């Protein structure tokens, strides 16, 4: 008789757990949907934050500005020389740290 009551208690617990899991998943999906609807697209006011968090974007802007100011030939040599040196140094530091 204890085995049957134990199985019934286990089944009841599993049913509660499944109901709780379903409720949690539904709540999570509702929050995700609300966040997706609330989040606006990229606005011009976000540009400084984007530039501050994206170093490659800042680098690209600097290269384009340098091209306009000192010319494409000189900026290409500068970018290749400094970029290659920086990349090699970073790679050596990373390998030495292993």
C-alpha atoms as a PDB file:
ATOM      1  CA  UNK A   1       0.000   0.000   0.000  1.00  0.00           C
ATOM      2  CA  UNK A   2       2.899   2.383   0.610  1.00  0.00           C
ATOM      3  CA  UNK A   3       4.173   1.789  -2.888  1.00  0.00           C
ATOM      4  CA  UNK A   4       0.867   2.857  -4.422  1.00  0.00           C
ATOM      5  CA  UNK A   5       0.617   5.945  -2.222  1.00  0.00           C
ATOM      6  CA  UNK A   6       4.267   6.734  -2.932  1.00  0.00           C
ATOM      7  CA  UNK A   7       3.656   6.475  -6.681  1.00  0.00           C
ATOM      8  CA  UNK A   8       0.584   8.702  -6.380  1.00  0.00           C
ATOM      9  CA  UNK A   9       2.538  11.285  -4.367  1.00  0.00           C
ATOM     10  CA  UNK A  10       5.355  11.169  -6.911  1.00  0.00           C
ATOM     11  CA  UNK A  11       2.898  11.612  -9.784  1.00  0.00           C
ATOM     12  CA  UNK A  12       1.236  14.541  -7.996  1.00  0.00           C
ATOM     13  CA  UNK A  13       4.645  16.173  -7.393  1.00  0.00           C
ATOM     14  CA  UNK A  14       5.645  15.703 -11.032  1.00  0.00           C
ATOM     15  CA  UNK A  15       2.345  17.228 -12.164  1.00  0.00           C
ATOM     16  CA  UNK A  16       2.924  20.257  -9.902  1.00  0.00           C
ATOM     17  CA  UNK A  17       6.467  20.629 -11.222  1.00  0.00           C
ATOM     18  CA  UNK A  18       5.231  20.496 -14.827  1.00  0.00           C
ATOM     19  CA  UNK A  19       2.549  23.109 -14.138  1.00  0.00           C
ATOM     20  CA  UNK A  20       5.099  25.350 -12.434  1.00  0.00           C
ATOM     21  CA  UNK A  21       7.531  24.951 -15.335  1.00  0.00           C
ATOM     22  CA  UNK A  22       4.803  25.833 -17.837  1.00  0.00           C
ATOM     23  CA  UNK A  23       3.908  28.972 -15.873  1.00  0.00           C
ATOM     24  CA  UNK A  24       7.550  30.045 -15.654  1.00  0.00           C
ATOM     25  CA  UNK A  25       8.113  29.551 -19.384  1.00  0.00           C
ATOM     26  CA  UNK A  26       4.973  31.534 -20.197  1.00  0.00           C
ATOM     27  CA  UNK A  27       6.086  34.372 -17.913  1.00  0.00           C
ATOM     28  CA  UNK A  28       9.576  34.387 -19.431  1.00  0.00           C
ATOM     29  CA  UNK A  29       8.167  34.523 -22.963  1.00  0.00           C
ATOM     30  CA  UNK A  30       5.856  37.380 -21.990  1.00  0.00           C
ATOM     31  CA  UNK A  31       8.781  39.372 -20.571  1.00  0.00           C
ATOM     32  CA  UNK A  32      10.883  38.727 -23.697  1.00  0.00           C
ATOM     33  CA  UNK A  33       8.023  39.869 -25.918  1.00  0.00           C
ATOM     34  CA  UNK A  34       7.488  43.017 -23.856  1.00  0.00           C
ATOM     35  CA  UNK A  35      11.224  43.837 -23.984  1.00  0.00           C
ATOM     36  CA  UNK A  36      11.334  43.310 -27.748  1.00  0.00           C
ATOM     37  CA  UNK A  37       8.377  45.652 -28.256  1.00  0.00           C
ATOM     38  CA  UNK A  38       9.764  48.286 -25.888  1.00  0.00           C
ATOM     39  CA  UNK A  39      13.298  48.351 -27.323  1.00  0.00           C
ATOM     40  CA  UNK A  40      13.624  50.973 -30.079  1.00  0.00           C
ATOM     41  CA  UNK A  41      15.939  50.708 -33.041  1.00  0.00           C
ATOM     42  CA  UNK A  42      19.193  52.606 -33.468  1.00  0.00           C
ATOM     43  CA  UNK A  43      18.722  56.334 -32.938  1.00  0.00           C
ATOM     44  CA  UNK A  44      21.180  59.160 -33.666  1.00  0.00           C
ATOM     45  CA  UNK A  45      21.301  59.907 -29.933  1.00  0.00           C
ATOM     46  CA  UNK A  46      22.804  56.430 -29.394  1.00  0.00           C
ATOM     47  CA  UNK A  47      25.747  57.142 -31.720  1.00  0.00           C
ATOM     48  CA  UNK A  48      28.204  58.331 -29.007  1.00  0.00           C
ATOM     49  CA  UNK A  49      27.483  55.228 -26.911  1.00  0.00           C
ATOM     50  CA  UNK A  50      27.921  53.028 -29.968  1.00  0.00           C
ATOM     51  CA  UNK A  51      31.255  54.616 -30.823  1.00  0.00           C
ATOM     52  CA  UNK A  52      32.423  54.321 -27.219  1.00  0.00           C
ATOM     53  CA  UNK A  53      31.607  50.616 -27.069  1.00  0.00           C
ATOM     54  CA  UNK A  54      32.747  49.640 -30.553  1.00  0.00           C
ATOM     55  CA  UNK A  55      36.487  50.241 -30.978  1.00  0.00           C
ATOM     56  CA  UNK A  56      36.434  48.984 -34.557  1.00  0.00           C
ATOM     57  CA  UNK A  57      33.859  51.605 -35.493  1.00  0.00           C
ATOM     58  CA  UNK A  58      36.013  54.286 -33.888  1.00  0.00           C
ATOM     59  CA  UNK A  59      39.051  52.966 -35.741  1.00  0.00           C
ATOM     60  CA  UNK A  60      37.192  53.035 -39.046  1.00  0.00           C
ATOM     61  CA  UNK A  61      36.065  56.621 -38.468  1.00  0.00           C
ATOM     62  CA  UNK A  62      39.648  57.613 -37.605  1.00  0.00           C
ATOM     63  CA  UNK A  63      40.943  55.975 -40.782  1.00  0.00           C
ATOM     64  CA  UNK A  64      38.315  57.708 -42.909  1.00  0.00           C
ATOM     65  CA  UNK A  65      39.051  61.075 -41.298  1.00  0.00           C
ATOM     66  CA  UNK A  66      42.781  60.529 -41.782  1.00  0.00           C
ATOM     67  CA  UNK A  67      42.195  59.695 -45.436  1.00  0.00           C
ATOM     68  CA  UNK A  68      40.429  62.998 -45.912  1.00  0.00           C
ATOM     69  CA  UNK A  69      43.025  64.996 -43.960  1.00  0.00           C
ATOM     70  CA  UNK A  70      46.393  63.541 -45.001  1.00  0.00           C
ATOM     71  CA  UNK A  71      45.467  61.548 -48.090  1.00  0.00           C
ATOM     72  CA  UNK A  72      44.816  57.913 -48.854  1.00  0.00           C
ATOM     73  CA  UNK A  73      48.407  56.986 -49.705  1.00  0.00           C
ATOM     74  CA  UNK A  74      49.930  58.190 -46.429  1.00  0.00           C
ATOM     75  CA  UNK A  75      47.084  56.870 -44.265  1.00  0.00           C
ATOM     76  CA  UNK A  76      47.336  53.413 -45.879  1.00  0.00           C
ATOM     77  CA  UNK A  77      51.041  53.160 -44.982  1.00  0.00           C
ATOM     78  CA  UNK A  78      50.353  54.434 -41.469  1.00  0.00           C
ATOM     79  CA  UNK A  79      47.487  52.020 -40.869  1.00  0.00           C
ATOM     80  CA  UNK A  80      49.366  49.020 -42.207  1.00  0.00           C
ATOM     81  CA  UNK A  81      52.530  49.823 -40.253  1.00  0.00           C
ATOM     82  CA  UNK A  82      50.831  50.600 -36.927  1.00  0.00           C
ATOM     83  CA  UNK A  83      48.037  48.063 -37.305  1.00  0.00           C
ATOM     84  CA  UNK A  84      50.419  45.258 -38.155  1.00  0.00           C
ATOM     85  CA  UNK A  85      52.727  46.185 -35.286  1.00  0.00           C
ATOM     86  CA  UNK A  86      49.832  46.276 -32.823  1.00  0.00           C
ATOM     87  CA  UNK A  87      48.419  42.982 -34.066  1.00  0.00           C
ATOM     88  CA  UNK A  88      51.788  41.231 -33.798  1.00  0.00           C
ATOM     89  CA  UNK A  89      52.382  42.632 -30.300  1.00  0.00           C
ATOM     90  CA  UNK A  90      48.936  41.528 -29.130  1.00  0.00           C
ATOM     91  CA  UNK A  91      49.436  38.051 -30.578  1.00  0.00           C
ATOM     92  CA  UNK A  92      52.856  37.682 -28.942  1.00  0.00           C
ATOM     93  CA  UNK A  93      51.480  38.809 -25.569  1.00  0.00           C
ATOM     94  CA  UNK A  94      48.610  36.349 -25.862  1.00  0.00           C
ATOM     95  CA  UNK A  95      50.936  33.481 -26.779  1.00  0.00           C
ATOM     96  CA  UNK A  96      53.414  34.377 -24.029  1.00  0.00           C
ATOM     97  CA  UNK A  97      50.603  34.359 -21.485  1.00  0.00           C
ATOM     98  CA  UNK A  98      49.717  30.743 -22.235  1.00  0.00           C
END
